[in-house]
C-alpha atoms as a PDB file:
ATOM      1  CA  MET A   1       0.025  -0.022  -0.097  1.00  0.00           C
ATOM      2  CA  HIS A   2       1.075   3.478  -0.621  1.00  0.00           C
ATOM      3  CA  ALA A   3      -0.055   6.932   0.905  1.00  0.00           C
ATOM      4  CA  LEU A   4      -0.129  10.555  -0.125  1.00  0.00           C
ATOM      5  CA  LEU A   5      -0.569  13.678   2.031  1.00  0.00           C
ATOM      6  CA  VAL A   6      -1.228  16.742   0.547  1.00  0.00           C
ATOM      7  CA  THR A   7      -1.433  20.245   2.131  1.00  0.00           C
ATOM      8  CA  TYR A   8      -1.837  23.628   0.858  1.00  0.00           C
ATOM      9  CA  GLY A   9      -3.163  27.188   1.648  1.00  0.00           C
ATOM     10  CA  LEU A  10      -7.020  27.891   1.097  1.00  0.00           C
ATOM     11  CA  ASN A  11      -5.830  30.863  -1.130  1.00  0.00           C
ATOM     12  CA  GLY A  12      -8.971  32.800  -0.642  1.00  0.00           C
ATOM     13  CA  THR A  13     -11.446  29.610  -0.615  1.00  0.00           C
ATOM     14  CA  THR A  14     -13.601  29.648   2.780  1.00  0.00           C
ATOM     15  CA  PRO A  15     -13.641  26.381   4.640  1.00  0.00           C
ATOM     16  CA  CYS A  16     -17.338  25.923   3.840  1.00  0.00           C
ATOM     17  CA  GLU A  17     -16.309  26.231   0.006  1.00  0.00           C
ATOM     18  CA  PHE A  18     -13.840  23.784   0.547  1.00  0.00           C
ATOM     19  CA  ALA A  19     -16.065  21.416   1.851  1.00  0.00           C
ATOM     20  CA  GLU A  20     -18.355  21.975  -0.667  1.00  0.00           C
ATOM     21  CA  LEU A  21     -15.667  21.284  -3.214  1.00  0.00           C
ATOM     22  CA  SER A  22     -14.664  18.113  -1.600  1.00  0.00           C
ATOM     23  CA  GLU A  23     -18.248  16.995  -1.548  1.00  0.00           C
ATOM     24  CA  ALA A  24     -18.763  17.605  -5.305  1.00  0.00           C
ATOM     25  CA  LEU A  25     -15.505  15.818  -6.153  1.00  0.00           C
ATOM     26  CA  ALA A  26     -16.161  12.587  -4.314  1.00  0.00           C
ATOM     27  CA  PRO A  27     -17.593  10.610  -7.093  1.00  0.00           C
ATOM     28  CA  ALA A  28     -14.511  11.667  -9.383  1.00  0.00           C
ATOM     29  CA  PHE A  29     -12.306  10.461  -6.391  1.00  0.00           C
ATOM     30  CA  ALA A  30     -14.402   7.266  -6.149  1.00  0.00           C
ATOM     31  CA  ALA A  31     -13.697   6.444  -9.448  1.00  0.00           C
ATOM     32  CA  VAL A  32      -9.796   6.343  -9.259  1.00  0.00           C
ATOM     33  CA  PRO A  33      -8.486   3.001  -9.967  1.00  0.00           C
ATOM     34  CA  GLY A  34      -6.471   1.604  -6.973  1.00  0.00           C
ATOM     35  CA  LEU A  35      -7.382   4.424  -4.538  1.00  0.00           C
ATOM     36  CA  VAL A  36      -8.599   2.567  -1.221  1.00  0.00           C
ATOM     37  CA  SER A  37      -9.428   6.021   0.754  1.00  0.00           C
ATOM     38  CA  ARG A  38      -9.335   9.737   0.464  1.00  0.00           C
ATOM     39  CA  THR A  39      -9.756  11.990   3.940  1.00  0.00           C
ATOM     40  CA  PRO A  40     -10.104  15.525   3.238  1.00  0.00           C
ATOM     41  CA  LEU A  41      -8.092  17.712   5.705  1.00  0.00           C
ATOM     42  CA  GLU A  42      -8.890  21.214   7.069  1.00  0.00           C
ATOM     43  CA  ASN A  43      -7.075  23.458   9.475  1.00  0.00           C
ATOM     44  CA  ALA A  44      -8.939  26.670   9.300  1.00  0.00           C
ATOM     45  CA  THR A  45      -7.321  28.522  11.879  1.00  0.00           C
ATOM     46  CA  ALA A  46      -4.083  28.212   9.688  1.00  0.00           C
ATOM     47  CA  GLY A  47      -5.982  28.672   6.668  1.00  0.00           C
ATOM     48  CA  ARG A  48      -4.755  25.240   5.433  1.00  0.00           C
ATOM     49  CA  CYS A  49      -6.367  22.360   3.752  1.00  0.00           C
ATOM     50  CA  GLY A  50      -5.508  19.191   1.944  1.00  0.00           C
ATOM     51  CA  ALA A  51      -6.419  15.439   1.867  1.00  0.00           C
ATOM     52  CA  PHE A  52      -4.720  11.994   2.990  1.00  0.00           C
ATOM     53  CA  TYR A  53      -4.953   9.264   0.301  1.00  0.00           C
ATOM     54  CA  VAL A  54      -4.237   5.578   0.522  1.00  0.00           C
ATOM     55  CA  PHE A  55      -3.726   3.309  -2.536  1.00  0.00           C
ATOM     56  CA  GLU A  56      -3.326  -0.084  -3.058  1.00  0.00           C
ATOM     57  CA  THR A  57      -0.015   0.011  -4.913  1.00  0.00           C
ATOM     58  CA  LYS A  58       2.645   2.226  -5.623  1.00  0.00           C
ATOM     59  CA  GLY A  59       1.498   2.099  -9.249  1.00  0.00           C
ATOM     60  CA  ALA A  60      -1.717   3.190  -8.570  1.00  0.00           C
ATOM     61  CA  PHE A  61      -0.438   6.098  -6.782  1.00  0.00           C
ATOM     62  CA  ASP A  62       1.882   7.024  -9.522  1.00  0.00           C
ATOM     63  CA  ARG A  63      -0.994   7.077 -12.139  1.00  0.00           C
ATOM     64  CA  PHE A  64      -3.040   9.409  -9.843  1.00  0.00           C
ATOM     65  CA  VAL A  65      -0.275  11.888  -9.375  1.00  0.00           C
ATOM     66  CA  ALA A  66      -0.045  11.918 -13.179  1.00  0.00           C
ATOM     67  CA  SER A  67      -3.747  12.298 -13.665  1.00  0.00           C
ATOM     68  CA  GLU A  68      -5.823  15.465 -14.640  1.00  0.00           C
ATOM     69  CA  LEU A  69      -7.838  14.984 -11.587  1.00  0.00           C
ATOM     70  CA  TYR A  70      -4.800  15.508  -9.298  1.00  0.00           C
ATOM     71  CA  ALA A  71      -3.559  18.290 -11.384  1.00  0.00           C
ATOM     72  CA  ALA A  72      -6.817  19.936 -11.432  1.00  0.00           C
ATOM     73  CA  THR A  73      -7.355  19.523  -7.553  1.00  0.00           C
ATOM     74  CA  ASP A  74      -4.605  19.022  -4.924  1.00  0.00           C
ATOM     75  CA  GLY A  75      -1.662  19.202  -7.794  1.00  0.00           C
ATOM     76  CA  SER A  76      -2.876  22.558  -8.710  1.00  0.00           C
ATOM     77  CA  PRO A  77      -0.395  25.432  -9.354  1.00  0.00           C
ATOM     78  CA  GLU A  78      -2.723  27.743  -7.838  1.00  0.00           C
ATOM     79  CA  ALA A  79      -2.522  26.142  -4.499  1.00  0.00           C
ATOM     80  CA  SER A  80      -0.673  28.103  -2.282  1.00  0.00           C
ATOM     81  CA  SER A  81       2.387  26.657   0.033  1.00  0.00           C
ATOM     82  CA  LEU A  82       1.829  22.854  -1.571  1.00  0.00           C
ATOM     83  CA  ALA A  83       3.231  20.368   0.251  1.00  0.00           C
ATOM     84  CA  ALA A  84       2.887  16.914  -1.258  1.00  0.00           C
ATOM     85  CA  ASN A  85       4.837  13.921   0.381  1.00  0.00           C
ATOM     86  CA  ASP A  86       3.936  10.087  -0.448  1.00  0.00           C
ATOM     87  CA  PHE A  87       4.764   7.209   1.933  1.00  0.00           C
ATOM     88  CA  SER A  88       4.857   3.702   1.608  1.00  0.00           C
ATOM     89  CA  ILE A  89       2.869   1.349   4.085  1.00  0.00           C
ATOM     90  CA  PRO A  90       4.940  -1.199   5.622  1.00  0.00           C
ATOM     91  CA  ARG A  91       3.177  -4.637   5.115  1.00  0.00           C
ATOM     92  CA  THR A  92       2.925  -5.194   8.802  1.00  0.00           C
ATOM     93  CA  ALA A  93       0.981  -1.977   9.247  1.00  0.00           C
ATOM     94  CA  HIS A  94      -1.869  -3.685   6.994  1.00  0.00           C
ATOM     95  CA  HIS A  95      -2.615  -5.907   9.811  1.00  0.00           C
ATOM     96  CA  SER A  96      -2.164  -3.516  12.819  1.00  0.00           C
ATOM     97  CA  THR A  97      -4.837  -2.612  15.269  1.00  0.00           C
ATOM     98  CA  THR A  98      -5.339   1.308  15.348  1.00  0.00           C
ATOM     99  CA  THR A  99      -6.139   2.244  18.984  1.00  0.00           C
ATOM    100  CA  HIS A 100      -8.082   5.710  19.361  1.00  0.00           C
ATOM    101  CA  ARG A 101      -7.916   7.665  22.338  1.00  0.00           C
ATOM    102  CA  GLY A 102     -10.893   6.885  24.574  1.00  0.00           C
ATOM    103  CA  GLU A 103     -10.963   3.371  23.337  1.00  0.00           C
ATOM    104  CA  THR A 104     -10.500   0.371  25.188  1.00  0.00           C
END
């Protein structure tokens, strides 16, 4: 599995507009081959947003970042202070148990 973390400045977009855009684009992201999940991120106080993606394979990640959808959204040159980092997800993490604060 492979992950992508993208963050950028809102660049004049309000948090509400960002949420609406994320909702409108959900079907396009749902159709991305090999995309396991996409979680929109928002820090309204810092004026930053982005997304955390998980892909089935590094190949699926590579195809996505080369796509028009990525270029038009998270990879857009209009995004201010864009930061995009990808990570491999170790095989051992696929079967790990995630513990959330407050759960036992």
